[in-house]
Amino acid sequence: GSIGTVVTGDGAQAPSAPPAMPAG
């Protein structure tokens, strides 16, 4: 399905606010 946030890098962090997903 849809993905909100993906972080795979060393030391990288997810953004504090999740990204806005399109309706549906």
PDBML (XML) file of the C-alpha atoms, coordinates in Angstrom:
<?xml version="1.0" encoding="UTF-8" ?>
<PDBx:datablock datablockName="MODEL"
   xmlns:PDBx="http://pdbml.pdb.org/schema/pdbx-v50.xsd"
   xmlns:xsi="http://www.w3.org/2001/XMLSchema-instance"
   xsi:schemaLocation="http://pdbml.pdb.org/schema/pdbx-v50.xsd pdbx-v50.xsd">
   <PDBx:atom_siteCategory>
      <PDBx:atom_site id="1">
         <PDBx:B_iso_or_equiv>0.00</PDBx:B_iso_or_equiv>
         <PDBx:Cartn_x>0.000</PDBx:Cartn_x>
         <PDBx:Cartn_y>0.000</PDBx:Cartn_y>
         <PDBx:Cartn_z>0.000</PDBx:Cartn_z>
         <PDBx:auth_asym_id>A</PDBx:auth_asym_id>
         <PDBx:auth_atom_id>CA</PDBx:auth_atom_id>
         <PDBx:auth_comp_id>GLY</PDBx:auth_comp_id>
         <PDBx:auth_seq_id>1</PDBx:auth_seq_id>
         <PDBx:group_PDB>ATOM</PDBx:group_PDB>
         <PDBx:label_alt_id xsi:nil="true" />
         <PDBx:label_asym_id>A</PDBx:label_asym_id>
         <PDBx:label_atom_id>CA</PDBx:label_atom_id>
         <PDBx:label_comp_id>GLY</PDBx:label_comp_id>
         <PDBx:label_entity_id>1</PDBx:label_entity_id>
         <PDBx:label_seq_id>1</PDBx:label_seq_id>
         <PDBx:occupancy>1.00</PDBx:occupancy>
         <PDBx:pdbx_PDB_model_num>1</PDBx:pdbx_PDB_model_num>
         <PDBx:type_symbol>C</PDBx:type_symbol>
      </PDBx:atom_site>
      <PDBx:atom_site id="2">
         <PDBx:B_iso_or_equiv>0.00</PDBx:B_iso_or_equiv>
         <PDBx:Cartn_x>1.152</PDBx:Cartn_x>
         <PDBx:Cartn_y>3.500</PDBx:Cartn_y>
         <PDBx:Cartn_z>0.845</PDBx:Cartn_z>
         <PDBx:auth_asym_id>A</PDBx:auth_asym_id>
         <PDBx:auth_atom_id>CA</PDBx:auth_atom_id>
         <PDBx:auth_comp_id>SER</PDBx:auth_comp_id>
         <PDBx:auth_seq_id>2</PDBx:auth_seq_id>
         <PDBx:group_PDB>ATOM</PDBx:group_PDB>
         <PDBx:label_alt_id xsi:nil="true" />
         <PDBx:label_asym_id>A</PDBx:label_asym_id>
         <PDBx:label_atom_id>CA</PDBx:label_atom_id>
         <PDBx:label_comp_id>SER</PDBx:label_comp_id>
         <PDBx:label_entity_id>1</PDBx:label_entity_id>
         <PDBx:label_seq_id>2</PDBx:label_seq_id>
         <PDBx:occupancy>1.00</PDBx:occupancy>
         <PDBx:pdbx_PDB_model_num>1</PDBx:pdbx_PDB_model_num>
         <PDBx:type_symbol>C</PDBx:type_symbol>
      </PDBx:atom_site>
      <PDBx:atom_site id="3">
         <PDBx:B_iso_or_equiv>0.00</PDBx:B_iso_or_equiv>
         <PDBx:Cartn_x>4.233</PDBx:Cartn_x>
         <PDBx:Cartn_y>4.425</PDBx:Cartn_y>
         <PDBx:Cartn_z>2.860</PDBx:Cartn_z>
         <PDBx:auth_asym_id>A</PDBx:auth_asym_id>
         <PDBx:auth_atom_id>CA</PDBx:auth_atom_id>
         <PDBx:auth_comp_id>ILE</PDBx:auth_comp_id>
         <PDBx:auth_seq_id>3</PDBx:auth_seq_id>
         <PDBx:group_PDB>ATOM</PDBx:group_PDB>
         <PDBx:label_alt_id xsi:nil="true" />
         <PDBx:label_asym_id>A</PDBx:label_asym_id>
         <PDBx:label_atom_id>CA</PDBx:label_atom_id>
         <PDBx:label_comp_id>ILE</PDBx:label_comp_id>
         <PDBx:label_entity_id>1</PDBx:label_entity_id>
         <PDBx:label_seq_id>3</PDBx:label_seq_id>
         <PDBx:occupancy>1.00</PDBx:occupancy>
         <PDBx:pdbx_PDB_model_num>1</PDBx:pdbx_PDB_model_num>
         <PDBx:type_symbol>C</PDBx:type_symbol>
      </PDBx:atom_site>
      <PDBx:atom_site id="4">
         <PDBx:B_iso_or_equiv>0.00</PDBx:B_iso_or_equiv>
         <PDBx:Cartn_x>4.295</PDBx:Cartn_x>
         <PDBx:Cartn_y>7.392</PDBx:Cartn_y>
         <PDBx:Cartn_z>5.238</PDBx:Cartn_z>
         <PDBx:auth_asym_id>A</PDBx:auth_asym_id>
         <PDBx:auth_atom_id>CA</PDBx:auth_atom_id>
         <PDBx:auth_comp_id>GLY</PDBx:auth_comp_id>
         <PDBx:auth_seq_id>4</PDBx:auth_seq_id>
         <PDBx:group_PDB>ATOM</PDBx:group_PDB>
         <PDBx:label_alt_id xsi:nil="true" />
         <PDBx:label_asym_id>A</PDBx:label_asym_id>
         <PDBx:label_atom_id>CA</PDBx:label_atom_id>
         <PDBx:label_comp_id>GLY</PDBx:label_comp_id>
         <PDBx:label_entity_id>1</PDBx:label_entity_id>
         <PDBx:label_seq_id>4</PDBx:label_seq_id>
         <PDBx:occupancy>1.00</PDBx:occupancy>
         <PDBx:pdbx_PDB_model_num>1</PDBx:pdbx_PDB_model_num>
         <PDBx:type_symbol>C</PDBx:type_symbol>
      </PDBx:atom_site>
      <PDBx:atom_site id="5">
         <PDBx:B_iso_or_equiv>0.00</PDBx:B_iso_or_equiv>
         <PDBx:Cartn_x>7.982</PDBx:Cartn_x>
         <PDBx:Cartn_y>7.534</PDBx:Cartn_y>
         <PDBx:Cartn_z>6.163</PDBx:Cartn_z>
         <PDBx:auth_asym_id>A</PDBx:auth_asym_id>
         <PDBx:auth_atom_id>CA</PDBx:auth_atom_id>
         <PDBx:auth_comp_id>THR</PDBx:auth_comp_id>
         <PDBx:auth_seq_id>5</PDBx:auth_seq_id>
         <PDBx:group_PDB>ATOM</PDBx:group_PDB>
         <PDBx:label_alt_id xsi:nil="true" />
         <PDBx:label_asym_id>A</PDBx:label_asym_id>
         <PDBx:label_atom_id>CA</PDBx:label_atom_id>
         <PDBx:label_comp_id>THR</PDBx:label_comp_id>
         <PDBx:label_entity_id>1</PDBx:label_entity_id>
         <PDBx:label_seq_id>5</PDBx:label_seq_id>
         <PDBx:occupancy>1.00</PDBx:occupancy>
         <PDBx:pdbx_PDB_model_num>1</PDBx:pdbx_PDB_model_num>
         <PDBx:type_symbol>C</PDBx:type_symbol>
      </PDBx:atom_site>
      <PDBx:atom_site id="6">
         <PDBx:B_iso_or_equiv>0.00</PDBx:B_iso_or_equiv>
         <PDBx:Cartn_x>10.922</PDBx:Cartn_x>
         <PDBx:Cartn_y>5.208</PDBx:Cartn_y>
         <PDBx:Cartn_z>5.478</PDBx:Cartn_z>
         <PDBx:auth_asym_id>A</PDBx:auth_asym_id>
         <PDBx:auth_atom_id>CA</PDBx:auth_atom_id>
         <PDBx:auth_comp_id>VAL</PDBx:auth_comp_id>
         <PDBx:auth_seq_id>6</PDBx:auth_seq_id>
         <PDBx:group_PDB>ATOM</PDBx:group_PDB>
         <PDBx:label_alt_id xsi:nil="true" />
         <PDBx:label_asym_id>A</PDBx:label_asym_id>
         <PDBx:label_atom_id>CA</PDBx:label_atom_id>
         <PDBx:label_comp_id>VAL</PDBx:label_comp_id>
         <PDBx:label_entity_id>1</PDBx:label_entity_id>
         <PDBx:label_seq_id>6</PDBx:label_seq_id>
         <PDBx:occupancy>1.00</PDBx:occupancy>
         <PDBx:pdbx_PDB_model_num>1</PDBx:pdbx_PDB_model_num>
         <PDBx:type_symbol>C</PDBx:type_symbol>
      </PDBx:atom_site>
      <PDBx:atom_site id="7">
         <PDBx:B_iso_or_equiv>0.00</PDBx:B_iso_or_equiv>
         <PDBx:Cartn_x>14.421</PDBx:Cartn_x>
         <PDBx:Cartn_y>5.711</PDBx:Cartn_y>
         <PDBx:Cartn_z>6.894</PDBx:Cartn_z>
         <PDBx:auth_asym_id>A</PDBx:auth_asym_id>
         <PDBx:auth_atom_id>CA</PDBx:auth_atom_id>
         <PDBx:auth_comp_id>VAL</PDBx:auth_comp_id>
         <PDBx:auth_seq_id>7</PDBx:auth_seq_id>
         <PDBx:group_PDB>ATOM</PDBx:group_PDB>
         <PDBx:label_alt_id xsi:nil="true" />
         <PDBx:label_asym_id>A</PDBx:label_asym_id>
         <PDBx:label_atom_id>CA</PDBx:label_atom_id>
         <PDBx:label_comp_id>VAL</PDBx:label_comp_id>
         <PDBx:label_entity_id>1</PDBx:label_entity_id>
         <PDBx:label_seq_id>7</PDBx:label_seq_id>
         <PDBx:occupancy>1.00</PDBx:occupancy>
         <PDBx:pdbx_PDB_model_num>1</PDBx:pdbx_PDB_model_num>
         <PDBx:type_symbol>C</PDBx:type_symbol>
      </PDBx:atom_site>
      <PDBx:atom_site id="8">
         <PDBx:B_iso_or_equiv>0.00</PDBx:B_iso_or_equiv>
         <PDBx:Cartn_x>17.167</PDBx:Cartn_x>
         <PDBx:Cartn_y>3.170</PDBx:Cartn_y>
         <PDBx:Cartn_z>6.131</PDBx:Cartn_z>
         <PDBx:auth_asym_id>A</PDBx:auth_asym_id>
         <PDBx:auth_atom_id>CA</PDBx:auth_atom_id>
         <PDBx:auth_comp_id>THR</PDBx:auth_comp_id>
         <PDBx:auth_seq_id>8</PDBx:auth_seq_id>
         <PDBx:group_PDB>ATOM</PDBx:group_PDB>
         <PDBx:label_alt_id xsi:nil="true" />
         <PDBx:label_asym_id>A</PDBx:label_asym_id>
         <PDBx:label_atom_id>CA</PDBx:label_atom_id>
         <PDBx:label_comp_id>THR</PDBx:label_comp_id>
         <PDBx:label_entity_id>1</PDBx:label_entity_id>
         <PDBx:label_seq_id>8</PDBx:label_seq_id>
         <PDBx:occupancy>1.00</PDBx:occupancy>
         <PDBx:pdbx_PDB_model_num>1</PDBx:pdbx_PDB_model_num>
         <PDBx:type_symbol>C</PDBx:type_symbol>
      </PDBx:atom_site>
      <PDBx:atom_site id="9">
         <PDBx:B_iso_or_equiv>0.00</PDBx:B_iso_or_equiv>
         <PDBx:Cartn_x>20.339</PDBx:Cartn_x>
         <PDBx:Cartn_y>5.238</PDBx:Cartn_y>
         <PDBx:Cartn_z>6.607</PDBx:Cartn_z>
         <PDBx:auth_asym_id>A</PDBx:auth_asym_id>
         <PDBx:auth_atom_id>CA</PDBx:auth_atom_id>
         <PDBx:auth_comp_id>GLY</PDBx:auth_comp_id>
         <PDBx:auth_seq_id>9</PDBx:auth_seq_id>
         <PDBx:group_PDB>ATOM</PDBx:group_PDB>
         <PDBx:label_alt_id xsi:nil="true" />
         <PDBx:label_asym_id>A</PDBx:label_asym_id>
         <PDBx:label_atom_id>CA</PDBx:label_atom_id>
         <PDBx:label_comp_id>GLY</PDBx:label_comp_id>
         <PDBx:label_entity_id>1</PDBx:label_entity_id>
         <PDBx:label_seq_id>9</PDBx:label_seq_id>
         <PDBx:occupancy>1.00</PDBx:occupancy>
         <PDBx:pdbx_PDB_model_num>1</PDBx:pdbx_PDB_model_num>
         <PDBx:type_symbol>C</PDBx:type_symbol>
      </PDBx:atom_site>
      <PDBx:atom_site id="10">
         <PDBx:B_iso_or_equiv>0.00</PDBx:B_iso_or_equiv>
         <PDBx:Cartn_x>22.723</PDBx:Cartn_x>
         <PDBx:Cartn_y>5.035</PDBx:Cartn_y>
         <PDBx:Cartn_z>9.559</PDBx:Cartn_z>
         <PDBx:auth_asym_id>A</PDBx:auth_asym_id>
         <PDBx:auth_atom_id>CA</PDBx:auth_atom_id>
         <PDBx:auth_comp_id>ASP</PDBx:auth_comp_id>
         <PDBx:auth_seq_id>10</PDBx:auth_seq_id>
         <PDBx:group_PDB>ATOM</PDBx:group_PDB>
         <PDBx:label_alt_id xsi:nil="true" />
         <PDBx:label_asym_id>A</PDBx:label_asym_id>
         <PDBx:label_atom_id>CA</PDBx:label_atom_id>
         <PDBx:label_comp_id>ASP</PDBx:label_comp_id>
         <PDBx:label_entity_id>1</PDBx:label_entity_id>
         <PDBx:label_seq_id>10</PDBx:label_seq_id>
         <PDBx:occupancy>1.00</PDBx:occupancy>
         <PDBx:pdbx_PDB_model_num>1</PDBx:pdbx_PDB_model_num>
         <PDBx:type_symbol>C</PDBx:type_symbol>
      </PDBx:atom_site>
      <PDBx:atom_site id="11">
         <PDBx:B_iso_or_equiv>0.00</PDBx:B_iso_or_equiv>
         <PDBx:Cartn_x>22.110</PDBx:Cartn_x>
         <PDBx:Cartn_y>7.908</PDBx:Cartn_y>
         <PDBx:Cartn_z>11.950</PDBx:Cartn_z>
         <PDBx:auth_asym_id>A</PDBx:auth_asym_id>
         <PDBx:auth_atom_id>CA</PDBx:auth_atom_id>
         <PDBx:auth_comp_id>GLY</PDBx:auth_comp_id>
         <PDBx:auth_seq_id>11</PDBx:auth_seq_id>
         <PDBx:group_PDB>ATOM</PDBx:group_PDB>
         <PDBx:label_alt_id xsi:nil="true" />
         <PDBx:label_asym_id>A</PDBx:label_asym_id>
         <PDBx:label_atom_id>CA</PDBx:label_atom_id>
         <PDBx:label_comp_id>GLY</PDBx:label_comp_id>
         <PDBx:label_entity_id>1</PDBx:label_entity_id>
         <PDBx:label_seq_id>11</PDBx:label_seq_id>
         <PDBx:occupancy>1.00</PDBx:occupancy>
         <PDBx:pdbx_PDB_model_num>1</PDBx:pdbx_PDB_model_num>
         <PDBx:type_symbol>C</PDBx:type_symbol>
      </PDBx:atom_site>
      <PDBx:atom_site id="12">
         <PDBx:B_iso_or_equiv>0.00</PDBx:B_iso_or_equiv>
         <PDBx:Cartn_x>19.253</PDBx:Cartn_x>
         <PDBx:Cartn_y>9.281</PDBx:Cartn_y>
         <PDBx:Cartn_z>9.870</PDBx:Cartn_z>
         <PDBx:auth_asym_id>A</PDBx:auth_asym_id>
         <PDBx:auth_atom_id>CA</PDBx:auth_atom_id>
         <PDBx:auth_comp_id>ALA</PDBx:auth_comp_id>
         <PDBx:auth_seq_id>12</PDBx:auth_seq_id>
         <PDBx:group_PDB>ATOM</PDBx:group_PDB>
         <PDBx:label_alt_id xsi:nil="true" />
         <PDBx:label_asym_id>A</PDBx:label_asym_id>
         <PDBx:label_atom_id>CA</PDBx:label_atom_id>
         <PDBx:label_comp_id>ALA</PDBx:label_comp_id>
         <PDBx:label_entity_id>1</PDBx:label_entity_id>
         <PDBx:label_seq_id>12</PDBx:label_seq_id>
         <PDBx:occupancy>1.00</PDBx:occupancy>
         <PDBx:pdbx_PDB_model_num>1</PDBx:pdbx_PDB_model_num>
         <PDBx:type_symbol>C</PDBx:type_symbol>
      </PDBx:atom_site>
      <PDBx:atom_site id="13">
         <PDBx:B_iso_or_equiv>0.00</PDBx:B_iso_or_equiv>
         <PDBx:Cartn_x>16.029</PDBx:Cartn_x>
         <PDBx:Cartn_y>10.096</PDBx:Cartn_y>
         <PDBx:Cartn_z>11.687</PDBx:Cartn_z>
         <PDBx:auth_asym_id>A</PDBx:auth_asym_id>
         <PDBx:auth_atom_id>CA</PDBx:auth_atom_id>
         <PDBx:auth_comp_id>GLN</PDBx:auth_comp_id>
         <PDBx:auth_seq_id>13</PDBx:auth_seq_id>
         <PDBx:group_PDB>ATOM</PDBx:group_PDB>
         <PDBx:label_alt_id xsi:nil="true" />
         <PDBx:label_asym_id>A</PDBx:label_asym_id>
         <PDBx:label_atom_id>CA</PDBx:label_atom_id>
         <PDBx:label_comp_id>GLN</PDBx:label_comp_id>
         <PDBx:label_entity_id>1</PDBx:label_entity_id>
         <PDBx:label_seq_id>13</PDBx:label_seq_id>
         <PDBx:occupancy>1.00</PDBx:occupancy>
         <PDBx:pdbx_PDB_model_num>1</PDBx:pdbx_PDB_model_num>
         <PDBx:type_symbol>C</PDBx:type_symbol>
      </PDBx:atom_site>
      <PDBx:atom_site id="14">
         <PDBx:B_iso_or_equiv>0.00</PDBx:B_iso_or_equiv>
         <PDBx:Cartn_x>12.415</PDBx:Cartn_x>
         <PDBx:Cartn_y>10.237</PDBx:Cartn_y>
         <PDBx:Cartn_z>10.605</PDBx:Cartn_z>
         <PDBx:auth_asym_id>A</PDBx:auth_asym_id>
         <PDBx:auth_atom_id>CA</PDBx:auth_atom_id>
         <PDBx:auth_comp_id>ALA</PDBx:auth_comp_id>
         <PDBx:auth_seq_id>14</PDBx:auth_seq_id>
         <PDBx:group_PDB>ATOM</PDBx:group_PDB>
         <PDBx:label_alt_id xsi:nil="true" />
         <PDBx:label_asym_id>A</PDBx:label_asym_id>
         <PDBx:label_atom_id>CA</PDBx:label_atom_id>
         <PDBx:label_comp_id>ALA</PDBx:label_comp_id>
         <PDBx:label_entity_id>1</PDBx:label_entity_id>
         <PDBx:label_seq_id>14</PDBx:label_seq_id>
         <PDBx:occupancy>1.00</PDBx:occupancy>
         <PDBx:pdbx_PDB_model_num>1</PDBx:pdbx_PDB_model_num>
         <PDBx:type_symbol>C</PDBx:type_symbol>
      </PDBx:atom_site>
      <PDBx:atom_site id="15">
         <PDBx:B_iso_or_equiv>0.00</PDBx:B_iso_or_equiv>
         <PDBx:Cartn_x>10.916</PDBx:Cartn_x>
         <PDBx:Cartn_y>13.727</PDBx:Cartn_y>
         <PDBx:Cartn_z>10.347</PDBx:Cartn_z>
         <PDBx:auth_asym_id>A</PDBx:auth_asym_id>
         <PDBx:auth_atom_id>CA</PDBx:auth_atom_id>
         <PDBx:auth_comp_id>PRO</PDBx:auth_comp_id>
         <PDBx:auth_seq_id>15</PDBx:auth_seq_id>
         <PDBx:group_PDB>ATOM</PDBx:group_PDB>
         <PDBx:label_alt_id xsi:nil="true" />
         <PDBx:label_asym_id>A</PDBx:label_asym_id>
         <PDBx:label_atom_id>CA</PDBx:label_atom_id>
         <PDBx:label_comp_id>PRO</PDBx:label_comp_id>
         <PDBx:label_entity_id>1</PDBx:label_entity_id>
         <PDBx:label_seq_id>15</PDBx:label_seq_id>
         <PDBx:occupancy>1.00</PDBx:occupancy>
         <PDBx:pdbx_PDB_model_num>1</PDBx:pdbx_PDB_model_num>
         <PDBx:type_symbol>C</PDBx:type_symbol>
      </PDBx:atom_site>
      <PDBx:atom_site id="16">
         <PDBx:B_iso_or_equiv>0.00</PDBx:B_iso_or_equiv>
         <PDBx:Cartn_x>9.087</PDBx:Cartn_x>
         <PDBx:Cartn_y>14.911</PDBx:Cartn_y>
         <PDBx:Cartn_z>13.478</PDBx:Cartn_z>
         <PDBx:auth_asym_id>A</PDBx:auth_asym_id>
         <PDBx:auth_atom_id>CA</PDBx:auth_atom_id>
         <PDBx:auth_comp_id>SER</PDBx:auth_comp_id>
         <PDBx:auth_seq_id>16</PDBx:auth_seq_id>
         <PDBx:group_PDB>ATOM</PDBx:group_PDB>
         <PDBx:label_alt_id xsi:nil="true" />
         <PDBx:label_asym_id>A</PDBx:label_asym_id>
         <PDBx:label_atom_id>CA</PDBx:label_atom_id>
         <PDBx:label_comp_id>SER</PDBx:label_comp_id>
         <PDBx:label_entity_id>1</PDBx:label_entity_id>
         <PDBx:label_seq_id>16</PDBx:label_seq_id>
         <PDBx:occupancy>1.00</PDBx:occupancy>
         <PDBx:pdbx_PDB_model_num>1</PDBx:pdbx_PDB_model_num>
         <PDBx:type_symbol>C</PDBx:type_symbol>
      </PDBx:atom_site>
      <PDBx:atom_site id="17">
         <PDBx:B_iso_or_equiv>0.00</PDBx:B_iso_or_equiv>
         <PDBx:Cartn_x>5.839</PDBx:Cartn_x>
         <PDBx:Cartn_y>15.487</PDBx:Cartn_y>
         <PDBx:Cartn_z>11.559</PDBx:Cartn_z>
         <PDBx:auth_asym_id>A</PDBx:auth_asym_id>
         <PDBx:auth_atom_id>CA</PDBx:auth_atom_id>
         <PDBx:auth_comp_id>ALA</PDBx:auth_comp_id>
         <PDBx:auth_seq_id>17</PDBx:auth_seq_id>
         <PDBx:group_PDB>ATOM</PDBx:group_PDB>
         <PDBx:label_alt_id xsi:nil="true" />
         <PDBx:label_asym_id>A</PDBx:label_asym_id>
         <PDBx:label_atom_id>CA</PDBx:label_atom_id>
         <PDBx:label_comp_id>ALA</PDBx:label_comp_id>
         <PDBx:label_entity_id>1</PDBx:label_entity_id>
         <PDBx:label_seq_id>17</PDBx:label_seq_id>
         <PDBx:occupancy>1.00</PDBx:occupancy>
         <PDBx:pdbx_PDB_model_num>1</PDBx:pdbx_PDB_model_num>
         <PDBx:type_symbol>C</PDBx:type_symbol>
      </PDBx:atom_site>
      <PDBx:atom_site id="18">
         <PDBx:B_iso_or_equiv>0.00</PDBx:B_iso_or_equiv>
         <PDBx:Cartn_x>4.635</PDBx:Cartn_x>
         <PDBx:Cartn_y>12.695</PDBx:Cartn_y>
         <PDBx:Cartn_z>9.278</PDBx:Cartn_z>
         <PDBx:auth_asym_id>A</PDBx:auth_asym_id>
         <PDBx:auth_atom_id>CA</PDBx:auth_atom_id>
         <PDBx:auth_comp_id>PRO</PDBx:auth_comp_id>
         <PDBx:auth_seq_id>18</PDBx:auth_seq_id>
         <PDBx:group_PDB>ATOM</PDBx:group_PDB>
         <PDBx:label_alt_id xsi:nil="true" />
         <PDBx:label_asym_id>A</PDBx:label_asym_id>
         <PDBx:label_atom_id>CA</PDBx:label_atom_id>
         <PDBx:label_comp_id>PRO</PDBx:label_comp_id>
         <PDBx:label_entity_id>1</PDBx:label_entity_id>
         <PDBx:label_seq_id>18</PDBx:label_seq_id>
         <PDBx:occupancy>1.00</PDBx:occupancy>
         <PDBx:pdbx_PDB_model_num>1</PDBx:pdbx_PDB_model_num>
         <PDBx:type_symbol>C</PDBx:type_symbol>
      </PDBx:atom_site>
      <PDBx:atom_site id="19">
         <PDBx:B_iso_or_equiv>0.00</PDBx:B_iso_or_equiv>
         <PDBx:Cartn_x>4.169</PDBx:Cartn_x>
         <PDBx:Cartn_y>13.727</PDBx:Cartn_y>
         <PDBx:Cartn_z>5.654</PDBx:Cartn_z>
         <PDBx:auth_asym_id>A</PDBx:auth_asym_id>
         <PDBx:auth_atom_id>CA</PDBx:auth_atom_id>
         <PDBx:auth_comp_id>PRO</PDBx:auth_comp_id>
         <PDBx:auth_seq_id>19</PDBx:auth_seq_id>
         <PDBx:group_PDB>ATOM</PDBx:group_PDB>
         <PDBx:label_alt_id xsi:nil="true" />
         <PDBx:label_asym_id>A</PDBx:label_asym_id>
         <PDBx:label_atom_id>CA</PDBx:label_atom_id>
         <PDBx:label_comp_id>PRO</PDBx:label_comp_id>
         <PDBx:label_entity_id>1</PDBx:label_entity_id>
         <PDBx:label_seq_id>19</PDBx:label_seq_id>
         <PDBx:occupancy>1.00</PDBx:occupancy>
         <PDBx:pdbx_PDB_model_num>1</PDBx:pdbx_PDB_model_num>
         <PDBx:type_symbol>C</PDBx:type_symbol>
      </PDBx:atom_site>
      <PDBx:atom_site id="20">
         <PDBx:B_iso_or_equiv>0.00</PDBx:B_iso_or_equiv>
         <PDBx:Cartn_x>0.665</PDBx:Cartn_x>
         <PDBx:Cartn_y>14.494</PDBx:Cartn_y>
         <PDBx:Cartn_z>4.439</PDBx:Cartn_z>
         <PDBx:auth_asym_id>A</PDBx:auth_asym_id>
         <PDBx:auth_atom_id>CA</PDBx:auth_atom_id>
         <PDBx:auth_comp_id>ALA</PDBx:auth_comp_id>
         <PDBx:auth_seq_id>20</PDBx:auth_seq_id>
         <PDBx:group_PDB>ATOM</PDBx:group_PDB>
         <PDBx:label_alt_id xsi:nil="true" />
         <PDBx:label_asym_id>A</PDBx:label_asym_id>
         <PDBx:label_atom_id>CA</PDBx:label_atom_id>
         <PDBx:label_comp_id>ALA</PDBx:label_comp_id>
         <PDBx:label_entity_id>1</PDBx:label_entity_id>
         <PDBx:label_seq_id>20</PDBx:label_seq_id>
         <PDBx:occupancy>1.00</PDBx:occupancy>
         <PDBx:pdbx_PDB_model_num>1</PDBx:pdbx_PDB_model_num>
         <PDBx:type_symbol>C</PDBx:type_symbol>
      </PDBx:atom_site>
      <PDBx:atom_site id="21">
         <PDBx:B_iso_or_equiv>0.00</PDBx:B_iso_or_equiv>
         <PDBx:Cartn_x>-0.729</PDBx:Cartn_x>
         <PDBx:Cartn_y>11.606</PDBx:Cartn_y>
         <PDBx:Cartn_z>2.426</PDBx:Cartn_z>
         <PDBx:auth_asym_id>A</PDBx:auth_asym_id>
         <PDBx:auth_atom_id>CA</PDBx:auth_atom_id>
         <PDBx:auth_comp_id>MET</PDBx:auth_comp_id>
         <PDBx:auth_seq_id>21</PDBx:auth_seq_id>
         <PDBx:group_PDB>ATOM</PDBx:group_PDB>
         <PDBx:label_alt_id xsi:nil="true" />
         <PDBx:label_asym_id>A</PDBx:label_asym_id>
         <PDBx:label_atom_id>CA</PDBx:label_atom_id>
         <PDBx:label_comp_id>MET</PDBx:label_comp_id>
         <PDBx:label_entity_id>1</PDBx:label_entity_id>
         <PDBx:label_seq_id>21</PDBx:label_seq_id>
         <PDBx:occupancy>1.00</PDBx:occupancy>
         <PDBx:pdbx_PDB_model_num>1</PDBx:pdbx_PDB_model_num>
         <PDBx:type_symbol>C</PDBx:type_symbol>
      </PDBx:atom_site>
      <PDBx:atom_site id="22">
         <PDBx:B_iso_or_equiv>0.00</PDBx:B_iso_or_equiv>
         <PDBx:Cartn_x>-3.188</PDBx:Cartn_x>
         <PDBx:Cartn_y>12.208</PDBx:Cartn_y>
         <PDBx:Cartn_z>-0.429</PDBx:Cartn_z>
         <PDBx:auth_asym_id>A</PDBx:auth_asym_id>
         <PDBx:auth_atom_id>CA</PDBx:auth_atom_id>
         <PDBx:auth_comp_id>PRO</PDBx:auth_comp_id>
         <PDBx:auth_seq_id>22</PDBx:auth_seq_id>
         <PDBx:group_PDB>ATOM</PDBx:group_PDB>
         <PDBx:label_alt_id xsi:nil="true" />
         <PDBx:label_asym_id>A</PDBx:label_asym_id>
         <PDBx:label_atom_id>CA</PDBx:label_atom_id>
         <PDBx:label_comp_id>PRO</PDBx:label_comp_id>
         <PDBx:label_entity_id>1</PDBx:label_entity_id>
         <PDBx:label_seq_id>22</PDBx:label_seq_id>
         <PDBx:occupancy>1.00</PDBx:occupancy>
         <PDBx:pdbx_PDB_model_num>1</PDBx:pdbx_PDB_model_num>
         <PDBx:type_symbol>C</PDBx:type_symbol>
      </PDBx:atom_site>
      <PDBx:atom_site id="23">
         <PDBx:B_iso_or_equiv>0.00</PDBx:B_iso_or_equiv>
         <PDBx:Cartn_x>-6.811</PDBx:Cartn_x>
         <PDBx:Cartn_y>11.299</PDBx:Cartn_y>
         <PDBx:Cartn_z>0.257</PDBx:Cartn_z>
         <PDBx:auth_asym_id>A</PDBx:auth_asym_id>
         <PDBx:auth_atom_id>CA</PDBx:auth_atom_id>
         <PDBx:auth_comp_id>ALA</PDBx:auth_comp_id>
         <PDBx:auth_seq_id>23</PDBx:auth_seq_id>
         <PDBx:group_PDB>ATOM</PDBx:group_PDB>
         <PDBx:label_alt_id xsi:nil="true" />
         <PDBx:label_asym_id>A</PDBx:label_asym_id>
         <PDBx:label_atom_id>CA</PDBx:label_atom_id>
         <PDBx:label_comp_id>ALA</PDBx:label_comp_id>
         <PDBx:label_entity_id>1</PDBx:label_entity_id>
         <PDBx:label_seq_id>23</PDBx:label_seq_id>
         <PDBx:occupancy>1.00</PDBx:occupancy>
         <PDBx:pdbx_PDB_model_num>1</PDBx:pdbx_PDB_model_num>
         <PDBx:type_symbol>C</PDBx:type_symbol>
      </PDBx:atom_site>
      <PDBx:atom_site id="24">
         <PDBx:B_iso_or_equiv>0.00</PDBx:B_iso_or_equiv>
         <PDBx:Cartn_x>-7.463</PDBx:Cartn_x>
         <PDBx:Cartn_y>7.622</PDBx:Cartn_y>
         <PDBx:Cartn_z>-0.437</PDBx:Cartn_z>
         <PDBx:auth_asym_id>A</PDBx:auth_asym_id>
         <PDBx:auth_atom_id>CA</PDBx:auth_atom_id>
         <PDBx:auth_comp_id>GLY</PDBx:auth_comp_id>
         <PDBx:auth_seq_id>24</PDBx:auth_seq_id>
         <PDBx:group_PDB>ATOM</PDBx:group_PDB>
         <PDBx:label_alt_id xsi:nil="true" />
         <PDBx:label_asym_id>A</PDBx:label_asym_id>
         <PDBx:label_atom_id>CA</PDBx:label_atom_id>
         <PDBx:label_comp_id>GLY</PDBx:label_comp_id>
         <PDBx:label_entity_id>1</PDBx:label_entity_id>
         <PDBx:label_seq_id>24</PDBx:label_seq_id>
         <PDBx:occupancy>1.00</PDBx:occupancy>
         <PDBx:pdbx_PDB_model_num>1</PDBx:pdbx_PDB_model_num>
         <PDBx:type_symbol>C</PDBx:type_symbol>
      </PDBx:atom_site>
   </PDBx:atom_siteCategory>
</PDBx:datablock>
